[in-house]
C-alpha atoms as a PDB file:
ATOM      1  CA  MET A   1      89.468  74.011 140.335  1.00  0.00           C
ATOM      2  CA  LYS A   2      90.545  77.130 142.592  1.00  0.00           C
ATOM      3  CA  LYS A   3      94.191  76.309 141.226  1.00  0.00           C
ATOM      4  CA  ILE A   4      92.887  76.426 137.686  1.00  0.00           C
ATOM      5  CA  PHE A   5      91.162  79.658 138.133  1.00  0.00           C
ATOM      6  CA  LEU A   6      94.173  81.236 139.798  1.00  0.00           C
ATOM      7  CA  ILE A   7      96.355  80.054 136.865  1.00  0.00           C
ATOM      8  CA  ILE A   8      94.125  81.613 134.505  1.00  0.00           C
ATOM      9  CA  THR A   9      93.773  84.643 136.407  1.00  0.00           C
ATOM     10  CA  ALA A  10      97.639  85.078 136.673  1.00  0.00           C
ATOM     11  CA  VAL A  11      98.001  84.594 132.648  1.00  0.00           C
ATOM     12  CA  VAL A  12      95.412  87.124 132.168  1.00  0.00           C
ATOM     13  CA  CYS A  13      97.028  89.553 134.196  1.00  0.00           C
ATOM     14  CA  SER A  14     100.415  89.370 132.720  1.00  0.00           C
ATOM     15  CA  MET A  15      99.014  89.598 129.227  1.00  0.00           C
ATOM     16  CA  THR A  16      97.308  92.841 130.465  1.00  0.00           C
ATOM     17  CA  VAL A  17     100.468  94.188 132.156  1.00  0.00           C
ATOM     18  CA  ALA A  18     102.222  93.306 128.721  1.00  0.00           C
ATOM     19  CA  ALA A  19      99.805  94.968 126.580  1.00  0.00           C
ATOM     20  CA  ASP A  20     100.082  98.386 128.832  1.00  0.00           C
ATOM     21  CA  GLY A  21     103.759  98.341 127.968  1.00  0.00           C
ATOM     22  CA  PHE A  22     103.064  99.553 124.411  1.00  0.00           C
ATOM     23  CA  GLU A  23     102.312 103.054 123.504  1.00  0.00           C
ATOM     24  CA  TYR A  24     101.631 103.874 120.021  1.00  0.00           C
ATOM     25  CA  ASN A  25     101.811 107.839 119.509  1.00  0.00           C
ATOM     26  CA  TYR A  26     101.269 107.689 115.533  1.00  0.00           C
ATOM     27  CA  LEU A  27      98.975 106.092 112.780  1.00  0.00           C
ATOM     28  CA  ALA A  28     100.980 105.174 109.827  1.00  0.00           C
ATOM     29  CA  PHE A  29      99.497 104.933 106.237  1.00  0.00           C
ATOM     30  CA  THR A  30     101.160 102.667 103.691  1.00  0.00           C
ATOM     31  CA  ARG A  31     100.714 104.046 100.092  1.00  0.00           C
ATOM     32  CA  SER A  32     100.650 102.048  97.151  1.00  0.00           C
ATOM     33  CA  ASN A  33     104.098 103.260  96.024  1.00  0.00           C
ATOM     34  CA  GLY A  34     105.510 101.844  99.447  1.00  0.00           C
ATOM     35  CA  VAL A  35     105.937 105.117 101.041  1.00  0.00           C
ATOM     36  CA  ASP A  36     104.670 105.483 104.655  1.00  0.00           C
ATOM     37  CA  GLN A  37     103.244 108.545 106.260  1.00  0.00           C
ATOM     38  CA  THR A  38     102.286 108.941 109.923  1.00  0.00           C
ATOM     39  CA  VAL A  39     100.032 111.237 111.869  1.00  0.00           C
ATOM     40  CA  SER A  40      99.842 111.707 115.594  1.00  0.00           C
ATOM     41  CA  VAL A  41      96.921 110.138 117.303  1.00  0.00           C
ATOM     42  CA  GLY A  42      96.540 112.889 120.047  1.00  0.00           C
ATOM     43  CA  ASP A  43      93.044 114.089 119.446  1.00  0.00           C
ATOM     44  CA  LEU A  44      92.823 112.340 116.005  1.00  0.00           C
ATOM     45  CA  LYS A  45      89.496 112.176 113.967  1.00  0.00           C
ATOM     46  CA  ILE A  46      89.461 110.225 110.939  1.00  0.00           C
ATOM     47  CA  VAL A  47      86.573 111.111 108.250  1.00  0.00           C
ATOM     48  CA  PHE A  48      85.988 109.434 105.037  1.00  0.00           C
ATOM     49  CA  GLN A  49      84.474 111.887 102.447  1.00  0.00           C
ATOM     50  CA  GLU A  50      84.611 111.869  98.643  1.00  0.00           C
ATOM     51  CA  GLY A  51      87.021 108.843  98.075  1.00  0.00           C
ATOM     52  CA  GLN A  52      89.436 110.608 100.626  1.00  0.00           C
ATOM     53  CA  LEU A  53      90.555 109.571 104.254  1.00  0.00           C
ATOM     54  CA  VAL A  54      90.876 112.741 106.071  1.00  0.00           C
ATOM     55  CA  CYS A  55      92.606 112.795 109.387  1.00  0.00           C
ATOM     56  CA  THR A  56      92.241 115.710 111.604  1.00  0.00           C
ATOM     57  CA  ASN A  57      94.316 116.350 114.751  1.00  0.00           C
ATOM     58  CA  ALA A  58      96.182 119.244 116.438  1.00  0.00           C
ATOM     59  CA  ASP A  59      98.676 119.599 113.654  1.00  0.00           C
ATOM     60  CA  GLY A  60      95.968 120.225 111.194  1.00  0.00           C
ATOM     61  CA  ASN A  61      94.307 118.085 108.222  1.00  0.00           C
ATOM     62  CA  THR A  62      95.879 115.216 106.147  1.00  0.00           C
ATOM     63  CA  SER A  63      94.420 113.902 103.339  1.00  0.00           C
ATOM     64  CA  PHE A  64      94.847 110.200 101.746  1.00  0.00           C
ATOM     65  CA  PRO A  65      93.140 108.797  98.595  1.00  0.00           C
ATOM     66  CA  LEU A  66      91.410 105.643  99.359  1.00  0.00           C
ATOM     67  CA  SER A  67      92.524 104.084  96.300  1.00  0.00           C
ATOM     68  CA  ASP A  68      96.198 104.782  96.841  1.00  0.00           C
ATOM     69  CA  LEU A  69      96.190 103.314 100.598  1.00  0.00           C
ATOM     70  CA  THR A  70      97.404  99.713 101.276  1.00  0.00           C
ATOM     71  CA  LYS A  71      97.446  99.517 104.883  1.00  0.00           C
ATOM     72  CA  MET A  72      97.439 101.533 108.107  1.00  0.00           C
ATOM     73  CA  TYR A  73      99.006 100.765 111.316  1.00  0.00           C
ATOM     74  CA  PHE A  74      99.872 102.015 114.823  1.00  0.00           C
ATOM     75  CA  THR A  75     103.383 102.606 115.530  1.00  0.00           C
ATOM     76  CA  ASP A  76     105.459 104.679 118.262  1.00  0.00           C
ATOM     77  CA  GLU A  77     107.687 106.264 115.860  1.00  0.00           C
ATOM     78  CA  PRO A  78     106.756 108.799 112.968  1.00  0.00           C
ATOM     79  CA  THR A  79     108.205 108.358 109.850  1.00  0.00           C
ATOM     80  CA  GLY A  80     109.268 112.081 109.183  1.00  0.00           C
ATOM     81  CA  ILE A  81     107.683 112.018 105.690  1.00  0.00           C
ATOM     82  CA  ASP A  82     105.321 114.876 104.526  1.00  0.00           C
ATOM     83  CA  GLU A  83     103.162 114.931 101.452  1.00  0.00           C
ATOM     84  CA  VAL A  84     104.555 117.108  98.838  1.00  0.00           C
ATOM     85  CA  THR A  85     101.663 118.558  96.830  1.00  0.00           C
ATOM     86  CA  ALA A  86     101.635 118.927  93.200  1.00  0.00           C
ATOM     87  CA  GLY A  87     100.626 122.375  91.656  1.00  0.00           C
ATOM     88  CA  ASN A  88     101.231 124.340  94.547  1.00  0.00           C
ATOM     89  CA  SER A  89     101.031 128.006  93.346  1.00  0.00           C
ATOM     90  CA  ARG A  90     103.232 129.522  96.428  1.00  0.00           C
ATOM     91  CA  SER A  91     106.414 129.623  94.582  1.00  0.00           C
ATOM     92  CA  THR A  92     108.675 127.379  92.521  1.00  0.00           C
ATOM     93  CA  VAL A  93     110.482 124.170  93.414  1.00  0.00           C
ATOM     94  CA  GLU A  94     113.987 124.358  93.818  1.00  0.00           C
ATOM     95  CA  VAL A  95     115.646 120.751  93.808  1.00  0.00           C
ATOM     96  CA  PHE A  96     119.160 120.159  95.582  1.00  0.00           C
ATOM     97  CA  SER A  97     120.979 116.618  95.818  1.00  0.00           C
ATOM     98  CA  LEU A  98     121.710 115.375  99.134  1.00  0.00           C
ATOM     99  CA  SER A  99     125.135 116.769  99.363  1.00  0.00           C
ATOM    100  CA  GLY A 100     123.579 120.296  99.051  1.00  0.00           C
ATOM    101  CA  ILE A 101     124.229 120.931  95.295  1.00  0.00           C
ATOM    102  CA  ALA A 102     121.271 122.972  93.524  1.00  0.00           C
ATOM    103  CA  LEU A 103     120.034 121.035  90.651  1.00  0.00           C
ATOM    104  CA  GLY A 104     117.501 123.523  89.413  1.00  0.00           C
ATOM    105  CA  SER A 105     114.309 125.337  89.863  1.00  0.00           C
ATOM    106  CA  PHE A 106     111.065 124.083  88.279  1.00  0.00           C
ATOM    107  CA  ALA A 107     107.456 125.429  88.242  1.00  0.00           C
ATOM    108  CA  ASP A 108     105.970 122.459  90.278  1.00  0.00           C
ATOM    109  CA  ILE A 109     106.596 119.090  91.884  1.00  0.00           C
ATOM    110  CA  ASP A 110     105.256 117.284  88.918  1.00  0.00           C
ATOM    111  CA  SER A 111     107.731 119.090  86.309  1.00  0.00           C
ATOM    112  CA  ALA A 112     110.610 118.309  88.643  1.00  0.00           C
ATOM    113  CA  LYS A 113     109.663 114.574  89.164  1.00  0.00           C
ATOM    114  CA  SER A 114     109.490 114.134  85.417  1.00  0.00           C
ATOM    115  CA  ARG A 115     113.071 115.694  84.766  1.00  0.00           C
ATOM    116  CA  LEU A 116     114.815 113.996  87.535  1.00  0.00           C
ATOM    117  CA  LYS A 117     116.739 110.774  87.580  1.00  0.00           C
ATOM    118  CA  ALA A 118     115.812 108.001  90.333  1.00  0.00           C
ATOM    119  CA  GLY A 119     117.320 108.992  93.634  1.00  0.00           C
ATOM    120  CA  VAL A 120     116.747 110.890  96.718  1.00  0.00           C
ATOM    121  CA  TYR A 121     116.348 114.740  96.565  1.00  0.00           C
ATOM    122  CA  VAL A 122     115.837 117.677  98.859  1.00  0.00           C
ATOM    123  CA  ILE A 123     112.759 119.840  97.478  1.00  0.00           C
ATOM    124  CA  LYS A 124     112.322 123.286  98.545  1.00  0.00           C
ATOM    125  CA  GLN A 125     109.049 125.036  98.087  1.00  0.00           C
ATOM    126  CA  GLY A 126     108.677 128.562  99.695  1.00  0.00           C
ATOM    127  CA  ASN A 127     109.702 128.000 103.500  1.00  0.00           C
ATOM    128  CA  LYS A 128     109.056 124.291 103.358  1.00  0.00           C
ATOM    129  CA  THR A 129     111.734 121.711 102.804  1.00  0.00           C
ATOM    130  CA  THR A 130     111.101 118.143 102.186  1.00  0.00           C
ATOM    131  CA  LYS A 131     113.186 114.962 101.225  1.00  0.00           C
ATOM    132  CA  ILE A 132     111.918 112.937  98.397  1.00  0.00           C
ATOM    133  CA  ALA A 133     112.710 109.490  96.573  1.00  0.00           C
ATOM    134  CA  ILE A 134     111.949 109.443  92.916  1.00  0.00           C
ATOM    135  CA  LYS A 135     111.897 105.685  91.455  1.00  0.00           C
END
C-alpha cells in the first residue's frame, strides 16, 4: 500500500512540474474569418456587454462581437495582428503593397477592401500602420 501511494505521489508531482513549465502570456481569439488576435493576460479583465466580449488590460480595451468569435485559447506568442476598424474619421486610409508601392488612398477601410484584389496589404491610417489580408 505504501509503495502504491509513493508511486501515485511521484506521478502527481511530475505532472505538477510539467504544468508549471508552461507560461501563457496571451489570450488568443479566433474570429469566423480565421484570423487570430491576441491580448496580454497581465491584469486582464473580461466583460460581456451588449453582444460584445470586452477585454481590458494595461494596453487598453479590445472588443470582439460574440457572434464573430469561434474559439479562444491561451498561448505564449502574440499574433501581432491589431484590429483595423472601419469608418475611422482620423484620416484617409493609404494602401501599400508588401514591397512598399503605394496603391492608393481611400476614404475608409471598407472602401479600400471593396476595391482591392485578394492579397496581403499594408494599411496606413494616421500614424498607425497595419498589415491586412483580403480573401
